[in-house]
């Protein structure tokens, strides 16, 4: 191990405390809003959660930087600002449970008409009994079958649904689904599913994936649940489908985001919106700190970091 301490920046003191027992480490707290006086020495930098900062601005002057660690699973907005020779790591695994919980919550809330009951409660009105939809026996398609997609499928499975998984390429299934379908099969699969949960990353291939034609293939009364990124869905086409009453939507992400106060998604019948809070639970912080610790330990030991999504240590080979 080098006699020179590994300088790591973390966004909050709690993260520094979680690393306090490691030898050979110098931890500095830096929220990245202002230039850091020791920026030239930082080798691993942890980015604040849900930041709007541009990576290109943040890393300027960080001459020793080797690793940038995000606290989000999504990373597409940071790749362009990544300097040569620096590895970008996402937080895959940190948000699986929380995002999967919200996907299930949004589905149940929409299918069981919870927003309608909340509105009735605000009016102190006991709504008359009528037959309502159940999640049981629904056909659920999970679009995106990485770590979070599998966590979503695992939470849906006990609700007596039939599960279908779709990923970028077809492959063998697991204990949850007999087969993982390729994205090329999506047009043929959509007409046969009552609930479509979207959890694909935002890439050139997935931007606008669920356009008017794809949404039009969903059956009448189907529910679209988006916990991925807003631009994966054509917002205008989705508003049109929901305004007609043909489809419903439960959205934790939107396009644009944040959603302007006068946007039609707020008031379109059958649309439930939460403000991008899929991973924002108290389960996230300890998991994020555990990930940061693993990454720091890897660098101290001269080992490759995990979760590399761009840069010299990533599979992308950027």
C-alpha atoms as a PDB file:
ATOM      1  CA  UNK A   1       0.000   0.000   0.000  1.00  0.00           C
ATOM      2  CA  UNK A   2       1.313   3.441  -0.855  1.00  0.00           C
ATOM      3  CA  UNK A   3       2.401   5.714   2.015  1.00  0.00           C
ATOM      4  CA  UNK A   4       0.398   8.498   0.385  1.00  0.00           C
ATOM      5  CA  UNK A   5      -3.214   8.427   1.665  1.00  0.00           C
ATOM      6  CA  UNK A   6      -6.019   7.772  -0.764  1.00  0.00           C
ATOM      7  CA  UNK A   7      -8.010  11.006  -0.898  1.00  0.00           C
ATOM      8  CA  UNK A   8     -11.747  10.389  -1.263  1.00  0.00           C
ATOM      9  CA  UNK A   9     -14.500  13.016  -1.425  1.00  0.00           C
ATOM     10  CA  UNK A  10     -17.965  12.266  -0.062  1.00  0.00           C
ATOM     11  CA  UNK A  11     -21.039  14.530  -0.152  1.00  0.00           C
ATOM     12  CA  UNK A  12     -22.025  14.286   3.538  1.00  0.00           C
ATOM     13  CA  UNK A  13     -20.313  13.748   6.910  1.00  0.00           C
ATOM     14  CA  UNK A  14     -22.228  10.496   7.474  1.00  0.00           C
ATOM     15  CA  UNK A  15     -20.348   8.919   4.582  1.00  0.00           C
ATOM     16  CA  UNK A  16     -17.023  10.033   6.051  1.00  0.00           C
ATOM     17  CA  UNK A  17     -17.939   8.454   9.392  1.00  0.00           C
ATOM     18  CA  UNK A  18     -18.707   5.148   7.658  1.00  0.00           C
ATOM     19  CA  UNK A  19     -15.154   5.110   6.265  1.00  0.00           C
ATOM     20  CA  UNK A  20     -13.439   6.334   9.418  1.00  0.00           C
ATOM     21  CA  UNK A  21     -11.923   2.996  10.436  1.00  0.00           C
ATOM     22  CA  UNK A  22     -10.069   2.387   7.164  1.00  0.00           C
ATOM     23  CA  UNK A  23      -6.312   2.897   7.148  1.00  0.00           C
ATOM     24  CA  UNK A  24      -4.513   4.747   4.395  1.00  0.00           C
ATOM     25  CA  UNK A  25      -7.505   6.960   3.710  1.00  0.00           C
ATOM     26  CA  UNK A  26      -8.087  10.701   3.826  1.00  0.00           C
ATOM     27  CA  UNK A  27     -11.791  11.542   3.514  1.00  0.00           C
ATOM     28  CA  UNK A  28     -12.974  15.048   2.687  1.00  0.00           C
ATOM     29  CA  UNK A  29     -16.606  16.188   2.715  1.00  0.00           C
ATOM     30  CA  UNK A  30     -17.480  17.997  -0.508  1.00  0.00           C
ATOM     31  CA  UNK A  31     -20.941  18.660  -1.883  1.00  0.00           C
ATOM     32  CA  UNK A  32     -19.469  19.624  -5.281  1.00  0.00           C
ATOM     33  CA  UNK A  33     -21.250  22.972  -5.278  1.00  0.00           C
ATOM     34  CA  UNK A  34     -17.975  24.873  -4.806  1.00  0.00           C
ATOM     35  CA  UNK A  35     -14.431  24.117  -6.012  1.00  0.00           C
ATOM     36  CA  UNK A  36     -12.620  21.985  -3.470  1.00  0.00           C
ATOM     37  CA  UNK A  37      -9.260  23.321  -2.237  1.00  0.00           C
ATOM     38  CA  UNK A  38      -7.825  19.791  -2.341  1.00  0.00           C
ATOM     39  CA  UNK A  39      -9.397  18.894  -5.649  1.00  0.00           C
ATOM     40  CA  UNK A  40      -6.098  18.068  -7.317  1.00  0.00           C
ATOM     41  CA  UNK A  41      -5.531  15.228  -4.819  1.00  0.00           C
ATOM     42  CA  UNK A  42      -8.943  13.506  -4.987  1.00  0.00           C
ATOM     43  CA  UNK A  43      -8.762  10.053  -6.564  1.00  0.00           C
ATOM     44  CA  UNK A  44     -12.314   8.825  -5.855  1.00  0.00           C
ATOM     45  CA  UNK A  45     -15.249  11.229  -5.791  1.00  0.00           C
ATOM     46  CA  UNK A  46     -18.775  10.350  -4.653  1.00  0.00           C
ATOM     47  CA  UNK A  47     -21.440  12.446  -6.395  1.00  0.00           C
ATOM     48  CA  UNK A  48     -24.427  13.746  -4.358  1.00  0.00           C
ATOM     49  CA  UNK A  49     -27.703  11.907  -4.866  1.00  0.00           C
ATOM     50  CA  UNK A  50     -30.184  13.353  -7.384  1.00  0.00           C
ATOM     51  CA  UNK A  51     -27.794  16.153  -8.296  1.00  0.00           C
ATOM     52  CA  UNK A  52     -28.311  18.514 -11.227  1.00  0.00           C
ATOM     53  CA  UNK A  53     -24.582  19.209 -11.441  1.00  0.00           C
ATOM     54  CA  UNK A  54     -22.770  18.736 -14.732  1.00  0.00           C
ATOM     55  CA  UNK A  55     -19.947  16.263 -14.343  1.00  0.00           C
ATOM     56  CA  UNK A  56     -17.745  18.201 -16.762  1.00  0.00           C
ATOM     57  CA  UNK A  57     -17.883  21.207 -14.427  1.00  0.00           C
ATOM     58  CA  UNK A  58     -17.355  19.180 -11.271  1.00  0.00           C
ATOM     59  CA  UNK A  59     -14.240  17.268 -12.372  1.00  0.00           C
ATOM     60  CA  UNK A  60     -12.370  20.303 -13.678  1.00  0.00           C
ATOM     61  CA  UNK A  61      -9.061  20.525 -11.822  1.00  0.00           C
ATOM     62  CA  UNK A  62      -9.294  17.032 -10.301  1.00  0.00           C
ATOM     63  CA  UNK A  63      -5.972  15.956 -11.762  1.00  0.00           C
ATOM     64  CA  UNK A  64      -5.618  12.740  -9.740  1.00  0.00           C
ATOM     65  CA  UNK A  65      -9.198  11.568 -10.247  1.00  0.00           C
ATOM     66  CA  UNK A  66      -9.575   7.882 -11.080  1.00  0.00           C
ATOM     67  CA  UNK A  67     -13.151   6.963 -10.083  1.00  0.00           C
ATOM     68  CA  UNK A  68     -16.469   8.830  -9.996  1.00  0.00           C
ATOM     69  CA  UNK A  69     -19.092   7.010  -7.921  1.00  0.00           C
ATOM     70  CA  UNK A  70     -22.759   7.842  -8.489  1.00  0.00           C
ATOM     71  CA  UNK A  71     -25.570   7.153  -6.037  1.00  0.00           C
ATOM     72  CA  UNK A  72     -28.099   6.474  -8.784  1.00  0.00           C
ATOM     73  CA  UNK A  73     -28.554   3.450 -11.004  1.00  0.00           C
ATOM     74  CA  UNK A  74     -29.083   5.725 -14.017  1.00  0.00           C
ATOM     75  CA  UNK A  75     -25.916   7.279 -15.391  1.00  0.00           C
ATOM     76  CA  UNK A  76     -26.666   8.418 -18.942  1.00  0.00           C
ATOM     77  CA  UNK A  77     -26.428  12.144 -18.115  1.00  0.00           C
ATOM     78  CA  UNK A  78     -22.895  11.790 -16.721  1.00  0.00           C
ATOM     79  CA  UNK A  79     -21.125   9.879 -19.485  1.00  0.00           C
ATOM     80  CA  UNK A  80     -20.446  12.856 -21.770  1.00  0.00           C
ATOM     81  CA  UNK A  81     -18.646  14.773 -19.015  1.00  0.00           C
ATOM     82  CA  UNK A  82     -16.352  11.914 -18.048  1.00  0.00           C
ATOM     83  CA  UNK A  83     -12.646  12.720 -18.572  1.00  0.00           C
ATOM     84  CA  UNK A  84     -10.335  10.277 -20.317  1.00  0.00           C
ATOM     85  CA  UNK A  85      -8.885   7.723 -17.946  1.00  0.00           C
ATOM     86  CA  UNK A  86     -11.638   8.121 -15.314  1.00  0.00           C
ATOM     87  CA  UNK A  87     -14.028   5.272 -14.507  1.00  0.00           C
ATOM     88  CA  UNK A  88     -17.705   6.041 -13.876  1.00  0.00           C
ATOM     89  CA  UNK A  89     -19.562   3.719 -11.484  1.00  0.00           C
ATOM     90  CA  UNK A  90     -23.293   3.628 -10.920  1.00  0.00           C
ATOM     91  CA  UNK A  91     -25.202   2.465  -7.842  1.00  0.00           C
ATOM     92  CA  UNK A  92     -26.674  -0.746  -9.248  1.00  0.00           C
ATOM     93  CA  UNK A  93     -28.006  -2.778  -6.345  1.00  0.00           C
ATOM     94  CA  UNK A  94     -28.601   0.191  -4.051  1.00  0.00           C
ATOM     95  CA  UNK A  95     -32.100   1.046  -5.263  1.00  0.00           C
ATOM     96  CA  UNK A  96     -33.420  -2.378  -6.249  1.00  0.00           C
ATOM     97  CA  UNK A  97     -35.674  -2.942  -3.248  1.00  0.00           C
ATOM     98  CA  UNK A  98     -37.044   0.592  -2.997  1.00  0.00           C
ATOM     99  CA  UNK A  99     -37.761   0.936  -6.711  1.00  0.00           C
ATOM    100  CA  UNK A 100     -39.379  -2.492  -6.846  1.00  0.00           C
ATOM    101  CA  UNK A 101     -41.567  -1.582  -3.866  1.00  0.00           C
ATOM    102  CA  UNK A 102     -42.743   1.587  -5.595  1.00  0.00           C
ATOM    103  CA  UNK A 103     -43.449  -0.229  -8.867  1.00  0.00           C
ATOM    104  CA  UNK A 104     -45.704  -2.632  -6.979  1.00  0.00           C
ATOM    105  CA  UNK A 105     -47.257   0.199  -4.952  1.00  0.00           C
ATOM    106  CA  UNK A 106     -48.071   2.247  -8.052  1.00  0.00           C
ATOM    107  CA  UNK A 107     -49.592  -0.802  -9.710  1.00  0.00           C
ATOM    108  CA  UNK A 108     -51.780  -1.713  -6.741  1.00  0.00           C
ATOM    109  CA  UNK A 109     -52.793   1.900  -6.123  1.00  0.00           C
ATOM    110  CA  UNK A 110     -53.865   2.372  -9.726  1.00  0.00           C
ATOM    111  CA  UNK A 111     -55.581  -0.987 -10.184  1.00  0.00           C
ATOM    112  CA  UNK A 112     -57.413  -0.786  -6.853  1.00  0.00           C
ATOM    113  CA  UNK A 113     -58.492   2.849  -7.498  1.00  0.00           C
ATOM    114  CA  UNK A 114     -56.741   4.232  -4.396  1.00  0.00           C
ATOM    115  CA  UNK A 115     -56.567   7.806  -5.786  1.00  0.00           C
ATOM    116  CA  UNK A 116     -60.359   7.698  -6.196  1.00  0.00           C
ATOM    117  CA  UNK A 117     -60.776   6.622  -2.573  1.00  0.00           C
ATOM    118  CA  UNK A 118     -58.387   9.316  -1.356  1.00  0.00           C
ATOM    119  CA  UNK A 119     -60.414  11.944  -3.211  1.00  0.00           C
ATOM    120  CA  UNK A 120     -63.623  10.543  -1.749  1.00  0.00           C
ATOM    121  CA  UNK A 121     -62.151  10.644   1.757  1.00  0.00           C
ATOM    122  CA  UNK A 122     -61.242  14.311   1.283  1.00  0.00           C
ATOM    123  CA  UNK A 123     -64.950  14.911   0.567  1.00  0.00           C
ATOM    124  CA  UNK A 124     -65.988  12.727   3.542  1.00  0.00           C
ATOM    125  CA  UNK A 125     -67.874  10.566   1.096  1.00  0.00           C
ATOM    126  CA  UNK A 126     -68.440   6.810   1.388  1.00  0.00           C
ATOM    127  CA  UNK A 127     -68.330   5.608  -2.211  1.00  0.00           C
ATOM    128  CA  UNK A 128     -70.928   2.969  -3.144  1.00  0.00           C
ATOM    129  CA  UNK A 129     -69.633  -0.533  -3.651  1.00  0.00           C
ATOM    130  CA  UNK A 130     -68.839  -1.595  -7.199  1.00  0.00           C
ATOM    131  CA  UNK A 131     -66.802  -4.376  -8.689  1.00  0.00           C
ATOM    132  CA  UNK A 132     -63.168  -3.305  -8.997  1.00  0.00           C
ATOM    133  CA  UNK A 133     -60.134  -4.731 -10.771  1.00  0.00           C
ATOM    134  CA  UNK A 134     -57.726  -6.996  -8.888  1.00  0.00           C
ATOM    135  CA  UNK A 135     -54.049  -7.602  -9.500  1.00  0.00           C
ATOM    136  CA  UNK A 136     -54.591 -11.351  -9.115  1.00  0.00           C
ATOM    137  CA  UNK A 137     -54.660 -13.188 -12.443  1.00  0.00           C
ATOM    138  CA  UNK A 138     -53.341 -10.158 -14.348  1.00  0.00           C
ATOM    139  CA  UNK A 139     -50.703 -10.628 -17.030  1.00  0.00           C
ATOM    140  CA  UNK A 140     -47.657  -8.540 -16.052  1.00  0.00           C
ATOM    141  CA  UNK A 141     -44.803  -7.694 -18.410  1.00  0.00           C
ATOM    142  CA  UNK A 142     -41.562  -6.389 -16.888  1.00  0.00           C
ATOM    143  CA  UNK A 143     -39.772  -4.396 -19.585  1.00  0.00           C
ATOM    144  CA  UNK A 144     -36.113  -4.418 -18.556  1.00  0.00           C
ATOM    145  CA  UNK A 145     -34.827  -7.440 -16.683  1.00  0.00           C
ATOM    146  CA  UNK A 146     -31.666  -6.359 -14.958  1.00  0.00           C
ATOM    147  CA  UNK A 147     -31.238  -6.280 -11.187  1.00  0.00           C
ATOM    148  CA  UNK A 148     -34.173  -3.947 -10.544  1.00  0.00           C
ATOM    149  CA  UNK A 149     -36.393  -5.685 -13.099  1.00  0.00           C
ATOM    150  CA  UNK A 150     -35.810  -8.987 -11.401  1.00  0.00           C
ATOM    151  CA  UNK A 151     -36.528  -7.415  -8.005  1.00  0.00           C
ATOM    152  CA  UNK A 152     -39.809  -6.095  -9.416  1.00  0.00           C
ATOM    153  CA  UNK A 153     -40.762  -9.509 -10.773  1.00  0.00           C
ATOM    154  CA  UNK A 154     -39.977 -11.054  -7.408  1.00  0.00           C
ATOM    155  CA  UNK A 155     -42.393  -8.727  -5.651  1.00  0.00           C
ATOM    156  CA  UNK A 156     -45.169  -9.310  -8.170  1.00  0.00           C
ATOM    157  CA  UNK A 157     -44.868 -13.095  -8.104  1.00  0.00           C
ATOM    158  CA  UNK A 158     -46.741 -13.665  -4.793  1.00  0.00           C
ATOM    159  CA  UNK A 159     -49.759 -11.756  -6.132  1.00  0.00           C
ATOM    160  CA  UNK A 160     -50.799 -14.674  -8.344  1.00  0.00           C
ATOM    161  CA  UNK A 161     -50.011 -12.964 -11.626  1.00  0.00           C
ATOM    162  CA  UNK A 162     -48.476 -14.387 -14.786  1.00  0.00           C
ATOM    163  CA  UNK A 163     -45.056 -12.841 -15.393  1.00  0.00           C
ATOM    164  CA  UNK A 164     -43.247 -12.063 -18.637  1.00  0.00           C
ATOM    165  CA  UNK A 165     -39.768 -10.533 -18.775  1.00  0.00           C
ATOM    166  CA  UNK A 166     -38.236  -8.611 -21.675  1.00  0.00           C
ATOM    167  CA  UNK A 167     -34.580  -7.602 -21.970  1.00  0.00           C
ATOM    168  CA  UNK A 168     -32.337  -6.307 -24.732  1.00  0.00           C
ATOM    169  CA  UNK A 169     -31.653  -9.879 -25.843  1.00  0.00           C
ATOM    170  CA  UNK A 170     -33.462 -13.185 -25.330  1.00  0.00           C
ATOM    171  CA  UNK A 171     -31.964 -15.611 -22.832  1.00  0.00           C
ATOM    172  CA  UNK A 172     -32.857 -18.445 -20.530  1.00  0.00           C
ATOM    173  CA  UNK A 173     -35.163 -17.625 -17.659  1.00  0.00           C
ATOM    174  CA  UNK A 174     -34.874 -18.160 -13.917  1.00  0.00           C
ATOM    175  CA  UNK A 175     -37.122 -19.226 -11.059  1.00  0.00           C
ATOM    176  CA  UNK A 176     -39.434 -16.258 -11.757  1.00  0.00           C
ATOM    177  CA  UNK A 177     -39.858 -16.486 -15.528  1.00  0.00           C
ATOM    178  CA  UNK A 178     -39.294 -19.511 -17.790  1.00  0.00           C
ATOM    179  CA  UNK A 179     -37.720 -17.359 -20.509  1.00  0.00           C
ATOM    180  CA  UNK A 180     -36.494 -13.807 -20.921  1.00  0.00           C
ATOM    181  CA  UNK A 181     -37.755 -12.419 -24.231  1.00  0.00           C
ATOM    182  CA  UNK A 182     -35.766 -10.109 -26.472  1.00  0.00           C
ATOM    183  CA  UNK A 183     -36.842  -6.516 -27.076  1.00  0.00           C
ATOM    184  CA  UNK A 184     -37.578  -7.437 -30.699  1.00  0.00           C
ATOM    185  CA  UNK A 185     -40.515  -9.505 -29.399  1.00  0.00           C
ATOM    186  CA  UNK A 186     -42.129  -6.570 -27.589  1.00  0.00           C
ATOM    187  CA  UNK A 187     -44.673  -5.632 -30.313  1.00  0.00           C
ATOM    188  CA  UNK A 188     -46.086  -9.168 -30.275  1.00  0.00           C
ATOM    189  CA  UNK A 189     -46.102  -9.393 -26.464  1.00  0.00           C
ATOM    190  CA  UNK A 190     -47.789  -6.091 -25.617  1.00  0.00           C
ATOM    191  CA  UNK A 191     -51.332  -7.014 -26.756  1.00  0.00           C
ATOM    192  CA  UNK A 192     -51.365  -9.921 -24.307  1.00  0.00           C
ATOM    193  CA  UNK A 193     -50.490  -8.083 -21.079  1.00  0.00           C
ATOM    194  CA  UNK A 194     -52.615  -6.093 -18.638  1.00  0.00           C
ATOM    195  CA  UNK A 195     -49.742  -4.371 -16.803  1.00  0.00           C
ATOM    196  CA  UNK A 196     -46.453  -3.201 -18.333  1.00  0.00           C
ATOM    197  CA  UNK A 197     -43.758  -2.136 -15.860  1.00  0.00           C
ATOM    198  CA  UNK A 198     -40.931  -0.164 -17.511  1.00  0.00           C
ATOM    199  CA  UNK A 199     -37.457  -0.308 -15.952  1.00  0.00           C
ATOM    200  CA  UNK A 200     -35.085  -0.051 -18.945  1.00  0.00           C
ATOM    201  CA  UNK A 201     -32.126   2.358 -18.883  1.00  0.00           C
ATOM    202  CA  UNK A 202     -32.401   5.469 -21.025  1.00  0.00           C
ATOM    203  CA  UNK A 203     -30.251   4.963 -24.122  1.00  0.00           C
ATOM    204  CA  UNK A 204     -30.490   5.874 -27.785  1.00  0.00           C
ATOM    205  CA  UNK A 205     -32.229   2.535 -28.302  1.00  0.00           C
ATOM    206  CA  UNK A 206     -34.842   3.045 -25.571  1.00  0.00           C
ATOM    207  CA  UNK A 207     -35.598   6.759 -25.976  1.00  0.00           C
ATOM    208  CA  UNK A 208     -39.182   6.944 -27.265  1.00  0.00           C
ATOM    209  CA  UNK A 209     -39.425   3.140 -27.210  1.00  0.00           C
ATOM    210  CA  UNK A 210     -43.042   3.260 -26.082  1.00  0.00           C
ATOM    211  CA  UNK A 211     -44.341   5.545 -28.797  1.00  0.00           C
ATOM    212  CA  UNK A 212     -47.880   5.894 -30.144  1.00  0.00           C
ATOM    213  CA  UNK A 213     -47.585   2.670 -32.138  1.00  0.00           C
ATOM    214  CA  UNK A 214     -46.323   0.626 -29.179  1.00  0.00           C
ATOM    215  CA  UNK A 215     -48.871   2.097 -26.770  1.00  0.00           C
ATOM    216  CA  UNK A 216     -51.536   1.364 -29.346  1.00  0.00           C
ATOM    217  CA  UNK A 217     -50.662  -2.322 -29.130  1.00  0.00           C
ATOM    218  CA  UNK A 218     -51.505  -2.479 -25.428  1.00  0.00           C
ATOM    219  CA  UNK A 219     -54.998  -3.882 -24.778  1.00  0.00           C
ATOM    220  CA  UNK A 220     -57.908  -1.729 -23.659  1.00  0.00           C
ATOM    221  CA  UNK A 221     -57.791  -1.051 -19.925  1.00  0.00           C
ATOM    222  CA  UNK A 222     -54.087  -1.884 -19.605  1.00  0.00           C
ATOM    223  CA  UNK A 223     -51.835  -0.080 -17.126  1.00  0.00           C
ATOM    224  CA  UNK A 224     -48.406   1.364 -17.947  1.00  0.00           C
ATOM    225  CA  UNK A 225     -46.099   1.756 -14.929  1.00  0.00           C
ATOM    226  CA  UNK A 226     -42.908   3.744 -15.587  1.00  0.00           C
ATOM    227  CA  UNK A 227     -40.168   3.641 -12.951  1.00  0.00           C
ATOM    228  CA  UNK A 228     -37.356   3.970 -15.522  1.00  0.00           C
ATOM    229  CA  UNK A 229     -36.877   7.359 -17.189  1.00  0.00           C
ATOM    230  CA  UNK A 230     -39.533   9.662 -18.607  1.00  0.00           C
ATOM    231  CA  UNK A 231     -38.220   9.889 -22.193  1.00  0.00           C
ATOM    232  CA  UNK A 232     -38.614   6.125 -22.661  1.00  0.00           C
ATOM    233  CA  UNK A 233     -42.332   6.891 -23.166  1.00  0.00           C
ATOM    234  CA  UNK A 234     -43.836   9.309 -25.700  1.00  0.00           C
ATOM    235  CA  UNK A 235     -45.641  11.654 -23.305  1.00  0.00           C
ATOM    236  CA  UNK A 236     -47.992  13.141 -25.868  1.00  0.00           C
ATOM    237  CA  UNK A 237     -49.070   9.704 -27.057  1.00  0.00           C
ATOM    238  CA  UNK A 238     -49.547   8.520 -23.470  1.00  0.00           C
ATOM    239  CA  UNK A 239     -51.708  11.523 -22.595  1.00  0.00           C
ATOM    240  CA  UNK A 240     -53.865  10.843 -25.647  1.00  0.00           C
ATOM    241  CA  UNK A 241     -54.343   7.173 -24.730  1.00  0.00           C
ATOM    242  CA  UNK A 242     -55.199   7.942 -21.101  1.00  0.00           C
ATOM    243  CA  UNK A 243     -57.449  10.905 -21.945  1.00  0.00           C
ATOM    244  CA  UNK A 244     -59.497   8.605 -24.162  1.00  0.00           C
ATOM    245  CA  UNK A 245     -59.902   6.203 -21.238  1.00  0.00           C
ATOM    246  CA  UNK A 246     -58.292   3.346 -23.143  1.00  0.00           C
ATOM    247  CA  UNK A 247     -55.142   3.093 -21.008  1.00  0.00           C
ATOM    248  CA  UNK A 248     -54.079   4.024 -17.490  1.00  0.00           C
ATOM    249  CA  UNK A 249     -50.633   5.106 -16.308  1.00  0.00           C
ATOM    250  CA  UNK A 250     -48.741   5.190 -13.021  1.00  0.00           C
ATOM    251  CA  UNK A 251     -45.575   7.235 -13.369  1.00  0.00           C
ATOM    252  CA  UNK A 252     -42.648   7.887 -11.053  1.00  0.00           C
ATOM    253  CA  UNK A 253     -40.779   9.518 -13.935  1.00  0.00           C
ATOM    254  CA  UNK A 254     -42.032  11.904 -16.589  1.00  0.00           C
ATOM    255  CA  UNK A 255     -40.912  13.812 -19.650  1.00  0.00           C
ATOM    256  CA  UNK A 256     -40.418  16.681 -18.938  1.00  0.00           C
ATOM    257  CA  UNK A 257     -39.184  16.434 -15.372  1.00  0.00           C
ATOM    258  CA  UNK A 258     -39.947  18.045 -13.025  1.00  0.00           C
ATOM    259  CA  UNK A 259     -43.467  18.100 -14.413  1.00  0.00           C
ATOM    260  CA  UNK A 260     -44.694  21.691 -14.899  1.00  0.00           C
ATOM    261  CA  UNK A 261     -47.775  22.687 -12.922  1.00  0.00           C
ATOM    262  CA  UNK A 262     -49.847  23.163 -16.075  1.00  0.00           C
ATOM    263  CA  UNK A 263     -48.865  19.867 -17.721  1.00  0.00           C
ATOM    264  CA  UNK A 264     -51.845  17.703 -18.781  1.00  0.00           C
ATOM    265  CA  UNK A 265     -50.435  14.599 -17.068  1.00  0.00           C
ATOM    266  CA  UNK A 266     -51.478  16.088 -13.713  1.00  0.00           C
ATOM    267  CA  UNK A 267     -55.141  16.138 -14.646  1.00  0.00           C
ATOM    268  CA  UNK A 268     -55.524  13.384 -17.246  1.00  0.00           C
ATOM    269  CA  UNK A 269     -57.985  10.738 -16.009  1.00  0.00           C
ATOM    270  CA  UNK A 270     -56.378   7.449 -15.064  1.00  0.00           C
ATOM    271  CA  UNK A 271     -52.903   8.906 -14.501  1.00  0.00           C
ATOM    272  CA  UNK A 272     -51.126   8.609 -11.138  1.00  0.00           C
ATOM    273  CA  UNK A 273     -47.888  10.596 -10.695  1.00  0.00           C
ATOM    274  CA  UNK A 274     -45.183  10.423  -8.041  1.00  0.00           C
ATOM    275  CA  UNK A 275     -42.195  12.845  -8.224  1.00  0.00           C
ATOM    276  CA  UNK A 276     -39.285  10.480  -9.051  1.00  0.00           C
ATOM    277  CA  UNK A 277     -38.995   8.988  -5.576  1.00  0.00           C
ATOM    278  CA  UNK A 278     -38.431   5.336  -6.499  1.00  0.00           C
ATOM    279  CA  UNK A 279     -35.091   5.042  -4.722  1.00  0.00           C
ATOM    280  CA  UNK A 280     -35.565   7.756  -2.112  1.00  0.00           C
ATOM    281  CA  UNK A 281     -36.206   5.725   1.025  1.00  0.00           C
ATOM    282  CA  UNK A 282     -34.366   5.126   4.285  1.00  0.00           C
ATOM    283  CA  UNK A 283     -33.185   1.810   2.846  1.00  0.00           C
ATOM    284  CA  UNK A 284     -31.077   3.695   0.309  1.00  0.00           C
ATOM    285  CA  UNK A 285     -28.541   5.475   2.557  1.00  0.00           C
ATOM    286  CA  UNK A 286     -26.966   2.436   4.301  1.00  0.00           C
ATOM    287  CA  UNK A 287     -26.818   0.547   0.997  1.00  0.00           C
ATOM    288  CA  UNK A 288     -25.147   3.500  -0.718  1.00  0.00           C
ATOM    289  CA  UNK A 289     -22.601   3.830   2.076  1.00  0.00           C
ATOM    290  CA  UNK A 290     -21.868   0.110   1.915  1.00  0.00           C
ATOM    291  CA  UNK A 291     -21.246   0.423  -1.833  1.00  0.00           C
ATOM    292  CA  UNK A 292     -18.911   3.403  -1.330  1.00  0.00           C
ATOM    293  CA  UNK A 293     -16.992   1.440   1.288  1.00  0.00           C
ATOM    294  CA  UNK A 294     -16.572  -1.524  -1.076  1.00  0.00           C
ATOM    295  CA  UNK A 295     -15.291   0.776  -3.798  1.00  0.00           C
ATOM    296  CA  UNK A 296     -12.837   2.496  -1.476  1.00  0.00           C
ATOM    297  CA  UNK A 297     -11.565  -0.847  -0.189  1.00  0.00           C
ATOM    298  CA  UNK A 298     -11.032  -2.008  -3.776  1.00  0.00           C
ATOM    299  CA  UNK A 299      -8.951   1.063  -4.654  1.00  0.00           C
ATOM    300  CA  UNK A 300      -6.927   0.738  -1.436  1.00  0.00           C
ATOM    301  CA  UNK A 301      -6.196  -2.895  -2.329  1.00  0.00           C
ATOM    302  CA  UNK A 302      -5.296  -2.069  -5.919  1.00  0.00           C
ATOM    303  CA  UNK A 303      -8.313  -4.021  -7.190  1.00  0.00           C
ATOM    304  CA  UNK A 304     -10.818  -2.995  -9.897  1.00  0.00           C
ATOM    305  CA  UNK A 305     -13.903  -1.183  -8.626  1.00  0.00           C
ATOM    306  CA  UNK A 306     -17.355  -2.673  -9.174  1.00  0.00           C
ATOM    307  CA  UNK A 307     -20.352  -1.200 -11.012  1.00  0.00           C
ATOM    308  CA  UNK A 308     -18.162   0.362 -13.706  1.00  0.00           C
ATOM    309  CA  UNK A 309     -20.395   1.630 -16.519  1.00  0.00           C
ATOM    310  CA  UNK A 310     -18.023   3.900 -18.462  1.00  0.00           C
ATOM    311  CA  UNK A 311     -14.316   4.545 -18.602  1.00  0.00           C
ATOM    312  CA  UNK A 312     -11.292   2.242 -18.684  1.00  0.00           C
ATOM    313  CA  UNK A 313     -12.636  -0.325 -16.209  1.00  0.00           C
ATOM    314  CA  UNK A 314     -16.111  -0.664 -17.759  1.00  0.00           C
ATOM    315  CA  UNK A 315     -17.350  -3.382 -20.080  1.00  0.00           C
ATOM    316  CA  UNK A 316     -18.178  -0.601 -22.518  1.00  0.00           C
ATOM    317  CA  UNK A 317     -14.469  -0.020 -22.952  1.00  0.00           C
ATOM    318  CA  UNK A 318     -14.972   3.693 -23.230  1.00  0.00           C
END
